[in-house]
mmCIF file of all heavy atoms, coordinates in Angstrom:
data_MODEL
# 
_entry.id   MODEL 
# 
loop_
_atom_site.group_PDB 
_atom_site.id 
_atom_site.type_symbol 
_atom_site.label_atom_id 
_atom_site.label_alt_id 
_atom_site.label_comp_id 
_atom_site.label_asym_id 
_atom_site.label_entity_id 
_atom_site.label_seq_id 
_atom_site.pdbx_PDB_ins_code 
_atom_site.Cartn_x 
_atom_site.Cartn_y 
_atom_site.Cartn_z 
_atom_site.occupancy 
_atom_site.B_iso_or_equiv 
_atom_site.pdbx_formal_charge 
_atom_site.auth_seq_id 
_atom_site.auth_comp_id 
_atom_site.auth_asym_id 
_atom_site.auth_atom_id 
_atom_site.pdbx_PDB_model_num 
ATOM 1   N N   . ILE A 1 1  ? -2.711  -11.841 -18.694 1.00 0.00 ? 1  ILE A N   1 
ATOM 2   C CA  . ILE A 1 1  ? -1.568  -11.609 -17.812 1.00 0.00 ? 1  ILE A CA  1 
ATOM 3   C C   . ILE A 1 1  ? -0.899  -10.318 -18.242 1.00 0.00 ? 1  ILE A C   1 
ATOM 4   O O   . ILE A 1 1  ? -0.522  -10.162 -19.406 1.00 0.00 ? 1  ILE A O   1 
ATOM 5   C CB  . ILE A 1 1  ? -0.559  -12.771 -17.879 1.00 0.00 ? 1  ILE A CB  1 
ATOM 6   C CG1 . ILE A 1 1  ? -1.227  -14.080 -17.440 1.00 0.00 ? 1  ILE A CG1 1 
ATOM 7   C CG2 . ILE A 1 1  ? 0.652   -12.484 -17.018 1.00 0.00 ? 1  ILE A CG2 1 
ATOM 8   C CD1 . ILE A 1 1  ? -0.337  -15.299 -17.593 1.00 0.00 ? 1  ILE A CD1 1 
ATOM 9   N N   . MET A 1 2  ? -0.794  -9.377  -17.334 1.00 0.00 ? 2  MET A N   1 
ATOM 10  C CA  . MET A 1 2  ? -0.181  -8.091  -17.647 1.00 0.00 ? 2  MET A CA  1 
ATOM 11  C C   . MET A 1 2  ? 1.336   -8.231  -17.609 1.00 0.00 ? 2  MET A C   1 
ATOM 12  O O   . MET A 1 2  ? 1.937   -8.359  -16.534 1.00 0.00 ? 2  MET A O   1 
ATOM 13  C CB  . MET A 1 2  ? -0.640  -7.015  -16.654 1.00 0.00 ? 2  MET A CB  1 
ATOM 14  C CG  . MET A 1 2  ? -2.131  -6.761  -16.705 1.00 0.00 ? 2  MET A CG  1 
ATOM 15  S SD  . MET A 1 2  ? -2.676  -6.281  -18.364 1.00 0.00 ? 2  MET A SD  1 
ATOM 16  C CE  . MET A 1 2  ? -4.444  -6.218  -18.130 1.00 0.00 ? 2  MET A CE  1 
ATOM 17  N N   . ARG A 1 3  ? 1.953   -8.257  -18.783 1.00 0.00 ? 3  ARG A N   1 
ATOM 18  C CA  . ARG A 1 3  ? 3.398   -8.421  -18.871 1.00 0.00 ? 3  ARG A CA  1 
ATOM 19  C C   . ARG A 1 3  ? 4.103   -7.075  -18.750 1.00 0.00 ? 3  ARG A C   1 
ATOM 20  O O   . ARG A 1 3  ? 3.501   -6.017  -18.884 1.00 0.00 ? 3  ARG A O   1 
ATOM 21  C CB  . ARG A 1 3  ? 3.762   -9.084  -20.199 1.00 0.00 ? 3  ARG A CB  1 
ATOM 22  C CG  . ARG A 1 3  ? 3.195   -10.493 -20.346 1.00 0.00 ? 3  ARG A CG  1 
ATOM 23  C CD  . ARG A 1 3  ? 3.534   -11.089 -21.681 1.00 0.00 ? 3  ARG A CD  1 
ATOM 24  N NE  . ARG A 1 3  ? 3.089   -12.478 -21.797 1.00 0.00 ? 3  ARG A NE  1 
ATOM 25  C CZ  . ARG A 1 3  ? 1.858   -12.828 -22.135 1.00 0.00 ? 3  ARG A CZ  1 
ATOM 26  N NH1 . ARG A 1 3  ? 0.967   -11.884 -22.430 1.00 0.00 ? 3  ARG A NH1 1 
ATOM 27  N NH2 . ARG A 1 3  ? 1.500   -14.108 -22.201 1.00 0.00 ? 3  ARG A NH2 1 
ATOM 28  N N   . GLN A 1 4  ? 5.398   -7.137  -18.512 1.00 0.00 ? 4  GLN A N   1 
ATOM 29  C CA  . GLN A 1 4  ? 6.261   -5.958  -18.427 1.00 0.00 ? 4  GLN A CA  1 
ATOM 30  C C   . GLN A 1 4  ? 5.757   -4.962  -17.378 1.00 0.00 ? 4  GLN A C   1 
ATOM 31  O O   . GLN A 1 4  ? 5.803   -3.747  -17.559 1.00 0.00 ? 4  GLN A O   1 
ATOM 32  C CB  . GLN A 1 4  ? 6.355   -5.271  -19.798 1.00 0.00 ? 4  GLN A CB  1 
ATOM 33  C CG  . GLN A 1 4  ? 6.975   -6.158  -20.863 1.00 0.00 ? 4  GLN A CG  1 
ATOM 34  C CD  . GLN A 1 4  ? 7.005   -5.501  -22.232 1.00 0.00 ? 4  GLN A CD  1 
ATOM 35  O OE1 . GLN A 1 4  ? 6.294   -4.530  -22.469 1.00 0.00 ? 4  GLN A OE1 1 
ATOM 36  N NE2 . GLN A 1 4  ? 7.818   -6.021  -23.127 1.00 0.00 ? 4  GLN A NE2 1 
ATOM 37  N N   . THR A 1 5  ? 5.254   -5.502  -16.287 1.00 0.00 ? 5  THR A N   1 
ATOM 38  C CA  . THR A 1 5  ? 4.817   -4.638  -15.182 1.00 0.00 ? 5  THR A CA  1 
ATOM 39  C C   . THR A 1 5  ? 5.884   -4.610  -14.100 1.00 0.00 ? 5  THR A C   1 
ATOM 40  O O   . THR A 1 5  ? 6.734   -5.494  -14.013 1.00 0.00 ? 5  THR A O   1 
ATOM 41  C CB  . THR A 1 5  ? 3.489   -5.138  -14.594 1.00 0.00 ? 5  THR A CB  1 
ATOM 42  O OG1 . THR A 1 5  ? 3.629   -6.533  -14.241 1.00 0.00 ? 5  THR A OG1 1 
ATOM 43  C CG2 . THR A 1 5  ? 2.352   -4.982  -15.584 1.00 0.00 ? 5  THR A CG2 1 
ATOM 44  N N   . ASN A 1 6  ? 5.832   -3.605  -13.252 1.00 0.00 ? 6  ASN A N   1 
ATOM 45  C CA  . ASN A 1 6  ? 6.806   -3.439  -12.189 1.00 0.00 ? 6  ASN A CA  1 
ATOM 46  C C   . ASN A 1 6  ? 6.542   -4.437  -11.063 1.00 0.00 ? 6  ASN A C   1 
ATOM 47  O O   . ASN A 1 6  ? 5.507   -4.394  -10.412 1.00 0.00 ? 6  ASN A O   1 
ATOM 48  C CB  . ASN A 1 6  ? 6.729   -2.006  -11.640 1.00 0.00 ? 6  ASN A CB  1 
ATOM 49  C CG  . ASN A 1 6  ? 7.655   -1.801  -10.455 1.00 0.00 ? 6  ASN A CG  1 
ATOM 50  O OD1 . ASN A 1 6  ? 8.660   -2.501  -10.308 1.00 0.00 ? 6  ASN A OD1 1 
ATOM 51  N ND2 . ASN A 1 6  ? 7.319   -0.843  -9.598  1.00 0.00 ? 6  ASN A ND2 1 
ATOM 52  N N   . LYS A 1 7  ? 7.505   -5.355  -10.865 1.00 0.00 ? 7  LYS A N   1 
ATOM 53  C CA  . LYS A 1 7  ? 7.376   -6.330  -9.790  1.00 0.00 ? 7  LYS A CA  1 
ATOM 54  C C   . LYS A 1 7  ? 8.515   -6.225  -8.783  1.00 0.00 ? 7  LYS A C   1 
ATOM 55  O O   . LYS A 1 7  ? 8.682   -7.088  -7.924  1.00 0.00 ? 7  LYS A O   1 
ATOM 56  C CB  . LYS A 1 7  ? 7.336   -7.747  -10.380 1.00 0.00 ? 7  LYS A CB  1 
ATOM 57  C CG  . LYS A 1 7  ? 6.121   -8.004  -11.268 1.00 0.00 ? 7  LYS A CG  1 
ATOM 58  C CD  . LYS A 1 7  ? 6.084   -9.442  -11.759 1.00 0.00 ? 7  LYS A CD  1 
ATOM 59  C CE  . LYS A 1 7  ? 4.857   -9.678  -12.625 1.00 0.00 ? 7  LYS A CE  1 
ATOM 60  N NZ  . LYS A 1 7  ? 4.782   -11.076 -13.133 1.00 0.00 ? 7  LYS A NZ  1 
ATOM 61  N N   . LYS A 1 8  ? 9.311   -5.146  -8.888  1.00 0.00 ? 8  LYS A N   1 
ATOM 62  C CA  . LYS A 1 8  ? 10.464  -4.998  -7.991  1.00 0.00 ? 8  LYS A CA  1 
ATOM 63  C C   . LYS A 1 8  ? 10.044  -4.651  -6.579  1.00 0.00 ? 8  LYS A C   1 
ATOM 64  O O   . LYS A 1 8  ? 10.602  -5.141  -5.614  1.00 0.00 ? 8  LYS A O   1 
ATOM 65  C CB  . LYS A 1 8  ? 11.405  -3.922  -8.547  1.00 0.00 ? 8  LYS A CB  1 
ATOM 66  C CG  . LYS A 1 8  ? 12.049  -4.301  -9.880  1.00 0.00 ? 8  LYS A CG  1 
ATOM 67  C CD  . LYS A 1 8  ? 12.975  -3.197  -10.373 1.00 0.00 ? 8  LYS A CD  1 
ATOM 68  C CE  . LYS A 1 8  ? 13.623  -3.573  -11.694 1.00 0.00 ? 8  LYS A CE  1 
ATOM 69  N NZ  . LYS A 1 8  ? 14.514  -2.496  -12.201 1.00 0.00 ? 8  LYS A NZ  1 
ATOM 70  N N   . HIS A 1 9  ? 9.037   -3.774  -6.457  1.00 0.00 ? 9  HIS A N   1 
ATOM 71  C CA  . HIS A 1 9  ? 8.606   -3.346  -5.137  1.00 0.00 ? 9  HIS A CA  1 
ATOM 72  C C   . HIS A 1 9  ? 7.641   -4.362  -4.547  1.00 0.00 ? 9  HIS A C   1 
ATOM 73  O O   . HIS A 1 9  ? 6.744   -4.858  -5.221  1.00 0.00 ? 9  HIS A O   1 
ATOM 74  C CB  . HIS A 1 9  ? 7.929   -1.976  -5.215  1.00 0.00 ? 9  HIS A CB  1 
ATOM 75  C CG  . HIS A 1 9  ? 7.852   -1.276  -3.892  1.00 0.00 ? 9  HIS A CG  1 
ATOM 76  N ND1 . HIS A 1 9  ? 6.974   -1.655  -2.894  1.00 0.00 ? 9  HIS A ND1 1 
ATOM 77  C CD2 . HIS A 1 9  ? 8.553   -0.219  -3.393  1.00 0.00 ? 9  HIS A CD2 1 
ATOM 78  C CE1 . HIS A 1 9  ? 7.126   -0.873  -1.857  1.00 0.00 ? 9  HIS A CE1 1 
ATOM 79  N NE2 . HIS A 1 9  ? 8.080   0.017   -2.128  1.00 0.00 ? 9  HIS A NE2 1 
ATOM 80  N N   . ALA A 1 10 ? 7.814   -4.677  -3.273  1.00 0.00 ? 10 ALA A N   1 
ATOM 81  C CA  . ALA A 1 10 ? 6.984   -5.684  -2.609  1.00 0.00 ? 10 ALA A CA  1 
ATOM 82  C C   . ALA A 1 10 ? 5.517   -5.295  -2.582  1.00 0.00 ? 10 ALA A C   1 
ATOM 83  O O   . ALA A 1 10 ? 4.635   -6.157  -2.524  1.00 0.00 ? 10 ALA A O   1 
ATOM 84  C CB  . ALA A 1 10 ? 7.482   -5.910  -1.178  1.00 0.00 ? 10 ALA A CB  1 
ATOM 85  N N   . LYS A 1 11 ? 5.235   -3.985  -2.626  1.00 0.00 ? 11 LYS A N   1 
ATOM 86  C CA  . LYS A 1 11 ? 3.851   -3.509  -2.564  1.00 0.00 ? 11 LYS A CA  1 
ATOM 87  C C   . LYS A 1 11 ? 3.298   -3.140  -3.940  1.00 0.00 ? 11 LYS A C   1 
ATOM 88  O O   . LYS A 1 11 ? 2.233   -2.527  -4.040  1.00 0.00 ? 11 LYS A O   1 
ATOM 89  C CB  . LYS A 1 11 ? 3.752   -2.298  -1.632  1.00 0.00 ? 11 LYS A CB  1 
ATOM 90  C CG  . LYS A 1 11 ? 4.181   -2.572  -0.190  1.00 0.00 ? 11 LYS A CG  1 
ATOM 91  C CD  . LYS A 1 11 ? 3.316   -3.674  0.441   1.00 0.00 ? 11 LYS A CD  1 
ATOM 92  C CE  . LYS A 1 11 ? 3.716   -3.913  1.900   1.00 0.00 ? 11 LYS A CE  1 
ATOM 93  N NZ  . LYS A 1 11 ? 2.926   -5.019  2.506   1.00 0.00 ? 11 LYS A NZ  1 
ATOM 94  N N   . SER A 1 12 ? 4.017   -3.513  -4.983  1.00 0.00 ? 12 SER A N   1 
ATOM 95  C CA  . SER A 1 12 ? 3.534   -3.218  -6.326  1.00 0.00 ? 12 SER A CA  1 
ATOM 96  C C   . SER A 1 12 ? 2.219   -3.943  -6.584  1.00 0.00 ? 12 SER A C   1 
ATOM 97  O O   . SER A 1 12 ? 2.013   -5.083  -6.152  1.00 0.00 ? 12 SER A O   1 
ATOM 98  C CB  . SER A 1 12 ? 4.574   -3.645  -7.369  1.00 0.00 ? 12 SER A CB  1 
ATOM 99  O OG  . SER A 1 12 ? 4.035   -3.589  -8.671  1.00 0.00 ? 12 SER A OG  1 
ATOM 100 N N   . ALA A 1 13 ? 1.306   -3.293  -7.313  1.00 0.00 ? 13 ALA A N   1 
ATOM 101 C CA  . ALA A 1 13 ? 0.009   -3.908  -7.628  1.00 0.00 ? 13 ALA A CA  1 
ATOM 102 C C   . ALA A 1 13 ? 0.176   -5.193  -8.423  1.00 0.00 ? 13 ALA A C   1 
ATOM 103 O O   . ALA A 1 13 ? -0.650  -6.110  -8.328  1.00 0.00 ? 13 ALA A O   1 
ATOM 104 C CB  . ALA A 1 13 ? -0.854  -2.921  -8.408  1.00 0.00 ? 13 ALA A CB  1 
ATOM 105 N N   . SER A 1 14 ? 1.265   -5.291  -9.209  1.00 0.00 ? 14 SER A N   1 
ATOM 106 C CA  . SER A 1 14 ? 1.478   -6.488  -10.021 1.00 0.00 ? 14 SER A CA  1 
ATOM 107 C C   . SER A 1 14 ? 1.863   -7.695  -9.167  1.00 0.00 ? 14 SER A C   1 
ATOM 108 O O   . SER A 1 14 ? 1.911   -8.817  -9.678  1.00 0.00 ? 14 SER A O   1 
ATOM 109 C CB  . SER A 1 14 ? 2.557   -6.235  -11.073 1.00 0.00 ? 14 SER A CB  1 
ATOM 110 O OG  . SER A 1 14 ? 3.765   -5.817  -10.478 1.00 0.00 ? 14 SER A OG  1 
ATOM 111 N N   . ARG A 1 15 ? 2.148   -7.472  -7.871  1.00 0.00 ? 15 ARG A N   1 
ATOM 112 C CA  . ARG A 1 15 ? 2.451   -8.581  -6.968  1.00 0.00 ? 15 ARG A CA  1 
ATOM 113 C C   . ARG A 1 15 ? 1.321   -8.828  -5.982  1.00 0.00 ? 15 ARG A C   1 
ATOM 114 O O   . ARG A 1 15 ? 1.409   -9.732  -5.143  1.00 0.00 ? 15 ARG A O   1 
ATOM 115 C CB  . ARG A 1 15 ? 3.759   -8.300  -6.216  1.00 0.00 ? 15 ARG A CB  1 
ATOM 116 C CG  . ARG A 1 15 ? 4.973   -8.220  -7.121  1.00 0.00 ? 15 ARG A CG  1 
ATOM 117 C CD  . ARG A 1 15 ? 6.250   -7.972  -6.363  1.00 0.00 ? 15 ARG A CD  1 
ATOM 118 N NE  . ARG A 1 15 ? 6.600   -9.056  -5.461  1.00 0.00 ? 15 ARG A NE  1 
ATOM 119 C CZ  . ARG A 1 15 ? 7.723   -9.096  -4.741  1.00 0.00 ? 15 ARG A CZ  1 
ATOM 120 N NH1 . ARG A 1 15 ? 8.598   -8.112  -4.845  1.00 0.00 ? 15 ARG A NH1 1 
ATOM 121 N NH2 . ARG A 1 15 ? 7.963   -10.094 -3.938  1.00 0.00 ? 15 ARG A NH2 1 
ATOM 122 N N   . CYS A 1 16 ? 0.280   -8.027  -6.052  1.00 0.00 ? 16 CYS A N   1 
ATOM 123 C CA  . CYS A 1 16 ? -0.858  -8.178  -5.142  1.00 0.00 ? 16 CYS A CA  1 
ATOM 124 C C   . CYS A 1 16 ? -1.585  -9.485  -5.465  1.00 0.00 ? 16 CYS A C   1 
ATOM 125 O O   . CYS A 1 16 ? -1.997  -9.696  -6.608  1.00 0.00 ? 16 CYS A O   1 
ATOM 126 C CB  . CYS A 1 16 ? -1.811  -6.994  -5.288  1.00 0.00 ? 16 CYS A CB  1 
ATOM 127 S SG  . CYS A 1 16 ? -3.362  -7.192  -4.380  1.00 0.00 ? 16 CYS A SG  1 
ATOM 128 N N   . PRO A 1 17 ? -1.758  -10.372 -4.494  1.00 0.00 ? 17 PRO A N   1 
ATOM 129 C CA  . PRO A 1 17 ? -2.401  -11.660 -4.788  1.00 0.00 ? 17 PRO A CA  1 
ATOM 130 C C   . PRO A 1 17 ? -3.834  -11.515 -5.294  1.00 0.00 ? 17 PRO A C   1 
ATOM 131 O O   . PRO A 1 17 ? -4.290  -12.325 -6.103  1.00 0.00 ? 17 PRO A O   1 
ATOM 132 C CB  . PRO A 1 17 ? -2.345  -12.411 -3.447  1.00 0.00 ? 17 PRO A CB  1 
ATOM 133 C CG  . PRO A 1 17 ? -2.107  -11.353 -2.417  1.00 0.00 ? 17 PRO A CG  1 
ATOM 134 C CD  . PRO A 1 17 ? -1.319  -10.277 -3.084  1.00 0.00 ? 17 PRO A CD  1 
ATOM 135 N N   . ALA A 1 18 ? -4.543  -10.487 -4.842  1.00 0.00 ? 18 ALA A N   1 
ATOM 136 C CA  . ALA A 1 18 ? -5.919  -10.277 -5.313  1.00 0.00 ? 18 ALA A CA  1 
ATOM 137 C C   . ALA A 1 18 ? -5.925  -9.891  -6.789  1.00 0.00 ? 18 ALA A C   1 
ATOM 138 O O   . ALA A 1 18 ? -6.765  -10.363 -7.565  1.00 0.00 ? 18 ALA A O   1 
ATOM 139 C CB  . ALA A 1 18 ? -6.606  -9.191  -4.480  1.00 0.00 ? 18 ALA A CB  1 
ATOM 140 N N   . VAL A 1 19 ? -4.969  -9.050  -7.199  1.00 0.00 ? 19 VAL A N   1 
ATOM 141 C CA  . VAL A 1 19 ? -4.872  -8.648  -8.603  1.00 0.00 ? 19 VAL A CA  1 
ATOM 142 C C   . VAL A 1 19 ? -4.468  -9.829  -9.469  1.00 0.00 ? 19 VAL A C   1 
ATOM 143 O O   . VAL A 1 19 ? -5.060  -10.085 -10.528 1.00 0.00 ? 19 VAL A O   1 
ATOM 144 C CB  . VAL A 1 19 ? -3.858  -7.484  -8.762  1.00 0.00 ? 19 VAL A CB  1 
ATOM 145 C CG1 . VAL A 1 19 ? -3.634  -7.186  -10.246 1.00 0.00 ? 19 VAL A CG1 1 
ATOM 146 C CG2 . VAL A 1 19 ? -4.350  -6.237  -8.042  1.00 0.00 ? 19 VAL A CG2 1 
ATOM 147 N N   . VAL A 1 20 ? -3.455  -10.576 -9.022  1.00 0.00 ? 20 VAL A N   1 
ATOM 148 C CA  . VAL A 1 20 ? -2.978  -11.743 -9.772  1.00 0.00 ? 20 VAL A CA  1 
ATOM 149 C C   . VAL A 1 20 ? -4.083  -12.777 -9.919  1.00 0.00 ? 20 VAL A C   1 
ATOM 150 O O   . VAL A 1 20 ? -4.294  -13.357 -10.986 1.00 0.00 ? 20 VAL A O   1 
ATOM 151 C CB  . VAL A 1 20 ? -1.738  -12.360 -9.088  1.00 0.00 ? 20 VAL A CB  1 
ATOM 152 C CG1 . VAL A 1 20 ? -1.345  -13.671 -9.768  1.00 0.00 ? 20 VAL A CG1 1 
ATOM 153 C CG2 . VAL A 1 20 ? -0.577  -11.385 -9.101  1.00 0.00 ? 20 VAL A CG2 1 
ATOM 154 N N   . GLN A 1 21 ? -4.842  -12.996 -8.828  1.00 0.00 ? 21 GLN A N   1 
ATOM 155 C CA  . GLN A 1 21 ? -5.932  -13.965 -8.853  1.00 0.00 ? 21 GLN A CA  1 
ATOM 156 C C   . GLN A 1 21 ? -7.019  -13.545 -9.848  1.00 0.00 ? 21 GLN A C   1 
ATOM 157 O O   . GLN A 1 21 ? -7.524  -14.359 -10.621 1.00 0.00 ? 21 GLN A O   1 
ATOM 158 C CB  . GLN A 1 21 ? -6.542  -14.091 -7.458  1.00 0.00 ? 21 GLN A CB  1 
ATOM 159 C CG  . GLN A 1 21 ? -7.721  -15.014 -7.350  1.00 0.00 ? 21 GLN A CG  1 
ATOM 160 C CD  . GLN A 1 21 ? -7.346  -16.482 -7.340  1.00 0.00 ? 21 GLN A CD  1 
ATOM 161 O OE1 . GLN A 1 21 ? -8.192  -17.330 -7.572  1.00 0.00 ? 21 GLN A OE1 1 
ATOM 162 N NE2 . GLN A 1 21 ? -6.097  -16.808 -7.050  1.00 0.00 ? 21 GLN A NE2 1 
ATOM 163 N N   . MET A 1 22 ? -7.357  -12.259 -9.846  1.00 0.00 ? 22 MET A N   1 
ATOM 164 C CA  . MET A 1 22 ? -8.386  -11.764 -10.746 1.00 0.00 ? 22 MET A CA  1 
ATOM 165 C C   . MET A 1 22 ? -7.946  -11.881 -12.198 1.00 0.00 ? 22 MET A C   1 
ATOM 166 O O   . MET A 1 22 ? -8.680  -12.400 -13.048 1.00 0.00 ? 22 MET A O   1 
ATOM 167 C CB  . MET A 1 22 ? -8.729  -10.307 -10.416 1.00 0.00 ? 22 MET A CB  1 
ATOM 168 C CG  . MET A 1 22 ? -9.891  -9.719  -11.218 1.00 0.00 ? 22 MET A CG  1 
ATOM 169 S SD  . MET A 1 22 ? -9.445  -9.095  -12.867 1.00 0.00 ? 22 MET A SD  1 
ATOM 170 C CE  . MET A 1 22 ? -8.454  -7.669  -12.443 1.00 0.00 ? 22 MET A CE  1 
ATOM 171 N N   . GLU A 1 23 ? -6.740  -11.434 -12.505 1.00 0.00 ? 23 GLU A N   1 
ATOM 172 C CA  . GLU A 1 23 ? -6.252  -11.453 -13.883 1.00 0.00 ? 23 GLU A CA  1 
ATOM 173 C C   . GLU A 1 23 ? -6.131  -12.868 -14.418 1.00 0.00 ? 23 GLU A C   1 
ATOM 174 O O   . GLU A 1 23 ? -6.370  -13.111 -15.608 1.00 0.00 ? 23 GLU A O   1 
ATOM 175 C CB  . GLU A 1 23 ? -4.906  -10.731 -13.975 1.00 0.00 ? 23 GLU A CB  1 
ATOM 176 C CG  . GLU A 1 23 ? -5.016  -9.218  -13.766 1.00 0.00 ? 23 GLU A CG  1 
ATOM 177 C CD  . GLU A 1 23 ? -3.672  -8.521  -13.879 1.00 0.00 ? 23 GLU A CD  1 
ATOM 178 O OE1 . GLU A 1 23 ? -2.643  -9.228  -13.950 1.00 0.00 ? 23 GLU A OE1 1 
ATOM 179 O OE2 . GLU A 1 23 ? -3.651  -7.278  -13.890 1.00 0.00 ? 23 GLU A OE2 1 
ATOM 180 N N   . SER A 1 24 ? -5.792  -13.825 -13.560 1.00 0.00 ? 24 SER A N   1 
ATOM 181 C CA  . SER A 1 24 ? -5.612  -15.203 -14.010 1.00 0.00 ? 24 SER A CA  1 
ATOM 182 C C   . SER A 1 24 ? -6.922  -15.859 -14.402 1.00 0.00 ? 24 SER A C   1 
ATOM 183 O O   . SER A 1 24 ? -6.923  -16.908 -15.054 1.00 0.00 ? 24 SER A O   1 
ATOM 184 C CB  . SER A 1 24 ? -4.934  -16.034 -12.912 1.00 0.00 ? 24 SER A CB  1 
ATOM 185 O OG  . SER A 1 24 ? -5.822  -16.270 -11.831 1.00 0.00 ? 24 SER A OG  1 
ATOM 186 N N   . ARG A 1 25 ? -8.050  -15.248 -14.034 1.00 0.00 ? 25 ARG A N   1 
ATOM 187 C CA  . ARG A 1 25 ? -9.353  -15.857 -14.294 1.00 0.00 ? 25 ARG A CA  1 
ATOM 188 C C   . ARG A 1 25 ? -10.056 -15.269 -15.514 1.00 0.00 ? 25 ARG A C   1 
ATOM 189 O O   . ARG A 1 25 ? -11.200 -15.615 -15.786 1.00 0.00 ? 25 ARG A O   1 
ATOM 190 C CB  . ARG A 1 25 ? -10.234 -15.740 -13.049 1.00 0.00 ? 25 ARG A CB  1 
ATOM 191 C CG  . ARG A 1 25 ? -9.731  -16.623 -11.928 1.00 0.00 ? 25 ARG A CG  1 
ATOM 192 C CD  . ARG A 1 25 ? -10.579 -16.588 -10.683 1.00 0.00 ? 25 ARG A CD  1 
ATOM 193 N NE  . ARG A 1 25 ? -10.100 -17.596 -9.750  1.00 0.00 ? 25 ARG A NE  1 
ATOM 194 C CZ  . ARG A 1 25 ? -10.501 -18.860 -9.727  1.00 0.00 ? 25 ARG A CZ  1 
ATOM 195 N NH1 . ARG A 1 25 ? -11.399 -19.271 -10.610 1.00 0.00 ? 25 ARG A NH1 1 
ATOM 196 N NH2 . ARG A 1 25 ? -10.016 -19.716 -8.867  1.00 0.00 ? 25 ARG A NH2 1 
ATOM 197 N N   . TYR A 1 26 ? -9.390  -14.377 -16.232 1.00 0.00 ? 26 TYR A N   1 
ATOM 198 C CA  . TYR A 1 26 ? -9.955  -13.836 -17.459 1.00 0.00 ? 26 TYR A CA  1 
ATOM 199 C C   . TYR A 1 26 ? -9.109  -14.299 -18.637 1.00 0.00 ? 26 TYR A C   1 
ATOM 200 O O   . TYR A 1 26 ? -7.880  -14.378 -18.553 1.00 0.00 ? 26 TYR A O   1 
ATOM 201 C CB  . TYR A 1 26 ? -9.980  -12.301 -17.423 1.00 0.00 ? 26 TYR A CB  1 
ATOM 202 C CG  . TYR A 1 26 ? -11.049 -11.741 -16.507 1.00 0.00 ? 26 TYR A CG  1 
ATOM 203 C CD1 . TYR A 1 26 ? -10.760 -11.419 -15.193 1.00 0.00 ? 26 TYR A CD1 1 
ATOM 204 C CD2 . TYR A 1 26 ? -12.350 -11.535 -16.971 1.00 0.00 ? 26 TYR A CD2 1 
ATOM 205 C CE1 . TYR A 1 26 ? -11.737 -10.919 -14.349 1.00 0.00 ? 26 TYR A CE1 1 
ATOM 206 C CE2 . TYR A 1 26 ? -13.322 -11.020 -16.136 1.00 0.00 ? 26 TYR A CE2 1 
ATOM 207 C CZ  . TYR A 1 26 ? -13.018 -10.719 -14.828 1.00 0.00 ? 26 TYR A CZ  1 
ATOM 208 O OH  . TYR A 1 26 ? -13.994 -10.225 -13.998 1.00 0.00 ? 26 TYR A OH  1 
ATOM 209 N N   . PHE A 1 27 ? -9.786  -14.600 -19.732 1.00 0.00 ? 27 PHE A N   1 
ATOM 210 C CA  . PHE A 1 27 ? -9.112  -15.011 -20.956 1.00 0.00 ? 27 PHE A CA  1 
ATOM 211 C C   . PHE A 1 27 ? -9.458  -14.014 -22.057 1.00 0.00 ? 27 PHE A C   1 
ATOM 212 O O   . PHE A 1 27 ? -10.581 -13.516 -22.133 1.00 0.00 ? 27 PHE A O   1 
ATOM 213 C CB  . PHE A 1 27 ? -9.522  -16.429 -21.355 1.00 0.00 ? 27 PHE A CB  1 
ATOM 214 C CG  . PHE A 1 27 ? -9.017  -17.478 -20.409 1.00 0.00 ? 27 PHE A CG  1 
ATOM 215 C CD1 . PHE A 1 27 ? -9.690  -17.757 -19.232 1.00 0.00 ? 27 PHE A CD1 1 
ATOM 216 C CD2 . PHE A 1 27 ? -7.846  -18.173 -20.689 1.00 0.00 ? 27 PHE A CD2 1 
ATOM 217 C CE1 . PHE A 1 27 ? -9.217  -18.714 -18.344 1.00 0.00 ? 27 PHE A CE1 1 
ATOM 218 C CE2 . PHE A 1 27 ? -7.366  -19.136 -19.815 1.00 0.00 ? 27 PHE A CE2 1 
ATOM 219 C CZ  . PHE A 1 27 ? -8.048  -19.410 -18.631 1.00 0.00 ? 27 PHE A CZ  1 
# 
């Protein structure tokens, strides 16, 4: 999980569901 990322903007990559889904599947 990439912490301390910019989540203020609605189009930020850290809020992209595809990015979140991918990151959640790696340990």
